[in-house]
Amino acid sequence: MKLVRYGAAGRERPGLIDTEGVLRDLSGIPAAAGLNLPTLGLAGLKRLGRLDTAALPRVKGNPRLGVPFTGISKLVAIGLNYADHAAESGMKVPKEPIVFMKATTCITGPTDQIVLPRDSLKTDWEVELGVVIGKTARSVDAAQALSHVAGYCVVHDVSERHWQGERGGTWDKGKGFDTFGPIGPWLVTPDEVPDPQKLDLWLDLNGEPRQRGNTATMIFGVAELISYVSFCMTLLPGDVIATGTPPGVGFGMKPPQFLKEGDVVSLGIQGLGAQRQVVRG
């Protein structure tokens, strides 16, 4: 099942994408609960999965898609989780997951603009697999970790490298600027993602290939990440873990390349849909 929220920012309606790729409206279904995951939980998602989608109203036109669910209390991110990305960054492969936080105020829809921070020097791109929690996870074992997943999505971990690595302190302040966390277009439930470690990822800049990778090359897999992070903090329904990025980021290029006004970034993950953002200064 592919769940979406569509419409103008702040006034999104719940919907789903049926097997024919048609957008269907869920706003008349009380059980949809506005696609608020703390309210829905895994049981609510299962109820939505039993709907007769052909009986749902078709949505006309091509409306804006927002973040495909609500109730995100935390956006947790993992650094250097692909060995070849660590190499291009000139850093050692980590022995344990590198955990940092992205401010929830950075979250936007999958086609909303990326706004460069004032005096930005090194704003960069990162396509990532997002893991969305559907059931409270507290110190869970890796063997049970995937049973806590509501679904998967595309996350764009936009990063200002100057603020991330050259201004002292933690990575967080280079990761949390407004518009630096596009999520979507869909929340894809686990029944459509039988193995999250077999997904191709890609990102293009102005039509030119930049990132190509597969989640099979993660250093720490999805189940291990859920287990590890849930030991550090309680994960609640709606929380998102951005699981790291493959090689091809701007600061790893020779010479480095960063985002500028007018750039167009396109990115996606196999089976999870695609994003497109225009960069504004």
Protein backbone atom coordinates (compact mmCIF):
# COMPACT_ATOMS: atom_id res chain seq x y z
CA MET A 1 0.00 0.00 0.00
CA LYS A 2 1.25 3.46 -0.95
CA LEU A 3 -0.13 6.19 1.28
CA VAL A 4 0.05 9.91 0.49
CA ARG A 5 -1.15 13.29 1.65
CA TYR A 6 -2.04 15.70 -1.12
CA GLY A 7 -3.01 19.34 -1.51
CA ALA A 8 -1.72 22.75 -0.52
CA ALA A 9 0.81 22.94 2.29
CA GLY A 10 -0.94 22.84 5.63
CA ARG A 11 -4.22 21.67 4.09
CA GLU A 12 -3.27 18.19 2.86
CA ARG A 13 -5.84 15.42 2.58
CA PRO A 14 -5.10 11.71 3.06
CA GLY A 15 -4.98 9.44 0.05
CA LEU A 16 -3.44 6.36 -1.45
CA ILE A 17 -2.03 5.26 -4.77
CA ASP A 18 -3.89 2.22 -6.10
CA THR A 19 -2.39 -0.65 -8.08
CA GLU A 20 -3.03 1.23 -11.34
CA GLY A 21 -1.13 4.29 -10.10
CA VAL A 22 -4.33 6.30 -9.55
CA LEU A 23 -4.52 8.71 -6.61
CA ARG A 24 -7.56 7.91 -4.43
CA ASP A 25 -9.02 10.07 -1.68
CA LEU A 26 -9.15 8.73 1.88
CA SER A 27 -10.61 11.78 3.60
CA GLY A 28 -14.06 10.12 3.81
CA ILE A 29 -12.65 7.13 5.68
CA PRO A 30 -12.66 7.79 9.45
CA ALA A 31 -10.21 4.93 9.97
CA ALA A 32 -7.61 6.83 7.94
CA ALA A 33 -7.24 9.27 10.86
CA GLY A 34 -5.60 11.82 8.56
CA LEU A 35 -2.69 9.37 8.22
CA ASN A 36 -1.51 10.33 11.69
CA LEU A 37 0.69 7.38 12.65
CA PRO A 38 0.48 7.76 16.43
CA THR A 39 -3.30 7.45 16.04
CA LEU A 40 -3.28 4.79 13.32
CA GLY A 41 -0.53 2.51 14.55
CA LEU A 42 0.11 -0.79 12.81
CA ALA A 43 -3.46 -1.98 13.43
CA GLY A 44 -4.88 1.06 11.67
CA LEU A 45 -2.59 0.54 8.70
CA LYS A 46 -3.81 -3.03 8.42
CA ARG A 47 -7.41 -1.81 8.36
CA LEU A 48 -6.60 0.58 5.53
CA GLY A 49 -4.97 -2.28 3.67
CA ARG A 50 -8.30 -4.11 3.60
CA LEU A 51 -10.15 -1.24 1.88
CA ASP A 52 -11.71 -1.71 -1.55
CA THR A 53 -9.57 0.90 -3.27
CA ALA A 54 -11.67 0.84 -6.43
CA ALA A 55 -14.57 2.23 -4.41
CA LEU A 56 -12.59 5.25 -3.23
CA PRO A 57 -13.00 8.59 -5.07
CA ARG A 58 -10.43 9.32 -7.76
CA VAL A 59 -8.52 12.57 -7.32
CA LYS A 60 -8.51 14.74 -10.41
CA GLY A 61 -5.49 16.58 -11.72
CA ASN A 62 -1.96 16.43 -10.40
CA PRO A 63 -2.02 17.94 -6.91
CA ARG A 64 1.01 18.70 -4.80
CA LEU A 65 2.07 15.83 -2.54
CA GLY A 66 3.07 16.62 1.02
CA VAL A 67 4.80 14.50 3.64
CA PRO A 68 2.81 11.24 3.37
CA PHE A 69 1.97 10.91 7.09
CA THR A 70 1.91 13.01 10.25
CA GLY A 71 2.96 12.51 13.85
CA ILE A 72 6.74 12.74 13.43
CA SER A 73 8.25 13.43 16.85
CA LYS A 74 11.82 12.67 15.78
CA LEU A 75 13.82 12.58 12.55
CA VAL A 76 16.87 10.50 13.46
CA ALA A 77 19.68 10.22 10.92
CA ILE A 78 22.66 7.90 10.48
CA GLY A 79 26.01 9.13 9.19
CA LEU A 80 28.58 7.32 7.06
CA ASN A 81 26.52 4.15 6.72
CA TYR A 82 27.91 3.17 3.30
CA ALA A 83 31.61 2.25 3.21
CA ASP A 84 32.20 3.89 -0.17
CA HIS A 85 30.59 7.13 1.07
CA ALA A 86 32.87 7.08 4.12
CA ALA A 87 35.83 6.67 1.76
CA GLU A 88 34.84 9.62 -0.43
CA SER A 89 34.43 11.66 2.77
CA GLY A 90 37.95 10.77 3.86
CA MET A 91 36.63 9.16 7.05
CA LYS A 92 37.03 5.74 8.63
CA VAL A 93 34.24 3.18 8.46
CA PRO A 94 32.44 3.55 11.80
CA LYS A 95 32.45 0.69 14.30
CA GLU A 96 29.02 1.72 15.59
CA PRO A 97 26.26 3.76 13.93
CA ILE A 98 26.82 7.51 13.91
CA VAL A 99 23.54 8.98 15.18
CA PHE A 100 22.46 12.61 14.82
CA MET A 101 19.17 14.48 14.70
CA LYS A 102 17.53 16.59 12.02
CA ALA A 103 15.13 19.23 13.34
CA THR A 104 11.50 18.39 12.58
CA THR A 105 11.10 21.97 11.34
CA CYS A 106 13.26 21.04 8.34
CA ILE A 107 10.67 18.56 7.04
CA THR A 108 8.91 19.41 3.77
CA GLY A 109 7.08 17.67 0.95
CA PRO A 110 8.89 15.81 -1.82
CA THR A 111 8.52 18.55 -4.45
CA ASP A 112 8.77 21.64 -2.25
CA GLN A 113 11.67 24.02 -2.82
CA ILE A 114 15.03 23.72 -1.10
CA VAL A 115 15.90 27.14 0.30
CA LEU A 116 19.61 27.83 0.74
CA PRO A 117 20.48 29.28 4.16
CA ARG A 118 21.70 32.88 4.16
CA ASP A 119 25.38 32.96 3.14
CA SER A 120 25.34 29.22 2.42
CA LEU A 121 28.73 27.99 1.27
CA LYS A 122 28.42 24.22 0.92
CA THR A 123 24.84 22.95 0.71
CA ASP A 124 24.92 19.33 -0.45
CA TRP A 125 22.56 16.51 -1.43
CA GLU A 126 22.02 13.02 0.06
CA VAL A 127 19.39 10.48 -1.01
CA GLU A 128 18.45 8.14 1.83
CA LEU A 129 16.09 5.32 2.70
CA GLY A 130 13.68 6.43 5.43
CA VAL A 131 12.36 3.85 7.89
CA VAL A 132 9.08 4.87 9.52
CA ILE A 133 8.18 3.49 12.93
CA GLY A 134 4.65 2.16 13.49
CA LYS A 135 4.89 0.71 17.02
CA THR A 136 6.76 1.99 20.07
CA ALA A 137 10.30 0.60 20.03
CA ARG A 138 12.37 0.60 23.20
CA SER A 139 15.57 -1.50 23.33
CA VAL A 140 14.24 -3.99 20.78
CA ASP A 141 16.33 -6.88 19.50
CA ALA A 142 17.33 -6.82 15.86
CA ALA A 143 15.37 -10.02 15.29
CA GLN A 144 12.13 -8.23 16.24
CA ALA A 145 13.02 -4.80 14.87
CA LEU A 146 11.26 -4.99 11.50
CA SER A 147 7.96 -5.83 13.21
CA HIS A 148 7.97 -2.22 14.46
CA VAL A 149 8.06 -0.73 10.94
CA ALA A 150 5.05 1.09 9.48
CA GLY A 151 6.73 1.53 6.12
CA TYR A 152 9.50 3.04 4.06
CA CYS A 153 9.98 6.30 2.19
CA VAL A 154 12.48 8.49 0.38
CA VAL A 155 14.29 11.06 2.53
CA HIS A 156 16.50 13.84 1.16
CA ASP A 157 19.07 14.62 3.85
CA VAL A 158 20.08 18.07 2.59
CA SER A 159 23.25 19.16 4.40
CA GLU A 160 25.19 22.41 4.75
CA ARG A 161 28.74 21.04 5.03
CA HIS A 162 30.34 24.28 6.28
CA TRP A 163 27.97 24.34 9.25
CA GLN A 164 28.12 20.56 9.65
CA GLY A 165 31.87 20.17 9.90
CA GLU A 166 33.65 23.50 10.10
CA ARG A 167 31.81 25.50 12.75
CA GLY A 168 32.52 23.30 15.77
CA GLY A 169 30.15 21.12 17.76
CA THR A 170 27.87 18.45 16.36
CA TRP A 171 26.61 17.73 12.84
CA ASP A 172 23.05 18.67 13.75
CA LYS A 173 23.28 22.39 13.02
CA GLY A 174 24.32 21.74 9.41
CA LYS A 175 21.44 19.33 8.94
CA GLY A 176 18.41 21.10 10.36
CA PHE A 177 17.93 24.25 8.29
CA ASP A 178 14.40 24.86 7.04
CA THR A 179 13.55 22.74 3.93
CA PHE A 180 16.49 20.37 4.56
CA GLY A 181 14.30 17.28 5.09
CA PRO A 182 11.99 16.46 2.16
CA ILE A 183 10.06 13.23 2.83
CA GLY A 184 7.91 11.24 0.39
CA PRO A 185 6.20 11.04 -2.01
CA TRP A 186 4.74 7.84 -0.51
CA LEU A 187 4.74 5.84 2.68
CA VAL A 188 5.08 2.30 1.33
CA THR A 189 3.99 -0.43 3.74
CA PRO A 190 6.29 -3.40 4.41
CA ASP A 191 4.19 -5.85 2.39
CA GLU A 192 5.47 -4.04 -0.73
CA VAL A 193 9.09 -3.99 0.51
CA PRO A 194 9.94 -7.61 1.28
CA ASP A 195 13.64 -6.84 1.80
CA PRO A 196 14.75 -3.28 2.62
CA GLN A 197 18.35 -4.33 1.95
CA LYS A 198 17.75 -4.78 -1.79
CA LEU A 199 16.71 -1.30 -2.93
CA ASP A 200 18.41 0.84 -5.57
CA LEU A 201 18.90 4.53 -4.75
CA TRP A 202 19.64 7.34 -7.21
CA LEU A 203 20.04 11.11 -7.37
CA ASP A 204 20.55 13.42 -10.35
CA LEU A 205 21.53 17.09 -10.38
CA ASN A 206 20.25 19.10 -13.34
CA GLY A 207 19.73 15.83 -15.20
CA GLU A 208 23.29 14.60 -14.58
CA PRO A 209 23.84 11.41 -12.52
CA ARG A 210 25.37 11.99 -9.11
CA GLN A 211 24.44 9.18 -6.69
CA ARG A 212 23.88 5.54 -7.49
CA GLY A 213 23.76 2.86 -4.82
CA ASN A 214 21.91 -0.03 -3.24
CA THR A 215 20.88 -0.59 0.37
CA ALA A 216 22.66 -3.96 0.22
CA THR A 217 25.91 -2.08 0.81
CA MET A 218 24.85 -0.47 4.09
CA ILE A 219 27.33 -1.01 6.90
CA PHE A 220 24.50 -1.33 9.43
CA GLY A 221 21.25 -2.73 8.05
CA VAL A 222 17.74 -1.50 8.80
CA ALA A 223 17.00 -4.03 11.56
CA GLU A 224 20.31 -3.34 13.30
CA LEU A 225 19.73 0.42 13.10
CA ILE A 226 16.25 0.21 14.63
CA SER A 227 17.62 -1.92 17.44
CA TYR A 228 20.59 0.38 18.09
CA VAL A 229 18.64 3.64 17.98
CA SER A 230 15.86 2.18 20.14
CA PHE A 231 18.47 1.50 22.80
CA CYS A 232 19.57 5.16 22.69
CA MET A 233 16.04 6.60 22.71
CA THR A 234 12.45 5.41 22.59
CA LEU A 235 11.11 5.43 19.05
CA LEU A 236 7.44 6.35 18.71
CA PRO A 237 4.93 5.73 15.91
CA GLY A 238 5.62 8.30 13.21
CA ASP A 239 9.34 8.65 13.96
CA VAL A 240 11.69 8.38 10.99
CA ILE A 241 15.20 6.99 10.72
CA ALA A 242 17.16 8.23 7.70
CA THR A 243 19.61 5.38 7.15
CA GLY A 244 22.56 7.03 5.41
CA THR A 245 23.56 7.83 1.86
CA PRO A 246 25.57 6.08 -0.89
CA PRO A 247 28.54 7.75 -2.61
CA GLY A 248 28.26 10.63 -5.05
CA VAL A 249 27.66 13.61 -2.77
CA GLY A 250 28.93 17.03 -3.75
CA PHE A 251 31.74 17.43 -1.24
CA GLY A 252 33.21 14.10 -2.36
CA MET A 253 33.64 15.31 -5.94
CA LYS A 254 36.92 16.65 -7.29
CA PRO A 255 36.58 19.58 -7.18
CA PRO A 256 33.66 19.67 -4.73
CA GLN A 257 30.30 20.82 -6.09
CA PHE A 258 27.46 22.31 -4.09
CA LEU A 259 23.89 23.42 -4.68
CA LYS A 260 23.16 26.87 -6.09
CA GLU A 261 20.04 28.81 -6.93
CA GLY A 262 18.17 27.34 -9.90
CA ASP A 263 19.55 23.83 -9.55
CA VAL A 264 17.08 20.95 -9.92
CA VAL A 265 17.59 17.85 -7.78
CA SER A 266 15.79 14.61 -8.68
CA LEU A 267 16.08 11.52 -6.50
CA GLY A 268 14.33 8.29 -5.72
CA ILE A 269 14.42 4.75 -4.41
CA GLN A 270 13.25 1.56 -6.10
CA GLY A 271 9.56 1.01 -5.34
CA LEU A 272 9.30 4.08 -3.10
CA GLY A 273 8.80 6.83 -5.66
CA ALA A 274 10.77 9.94 -6.60
CA GLN A 275 11.29 13.51 -5.44
CA ARG A 276 12.10 16.67 -7.36
CA GLN A 277 13.22 19.97 -5.85
CA VAL A 278 14.20 23.33 -7.27
CA VAL A 279 16.85 25.18 -5.26
CA ARG A 280 16.11 28.77 -4.27
CA GLY A 281 18.67 31.21 -2.88
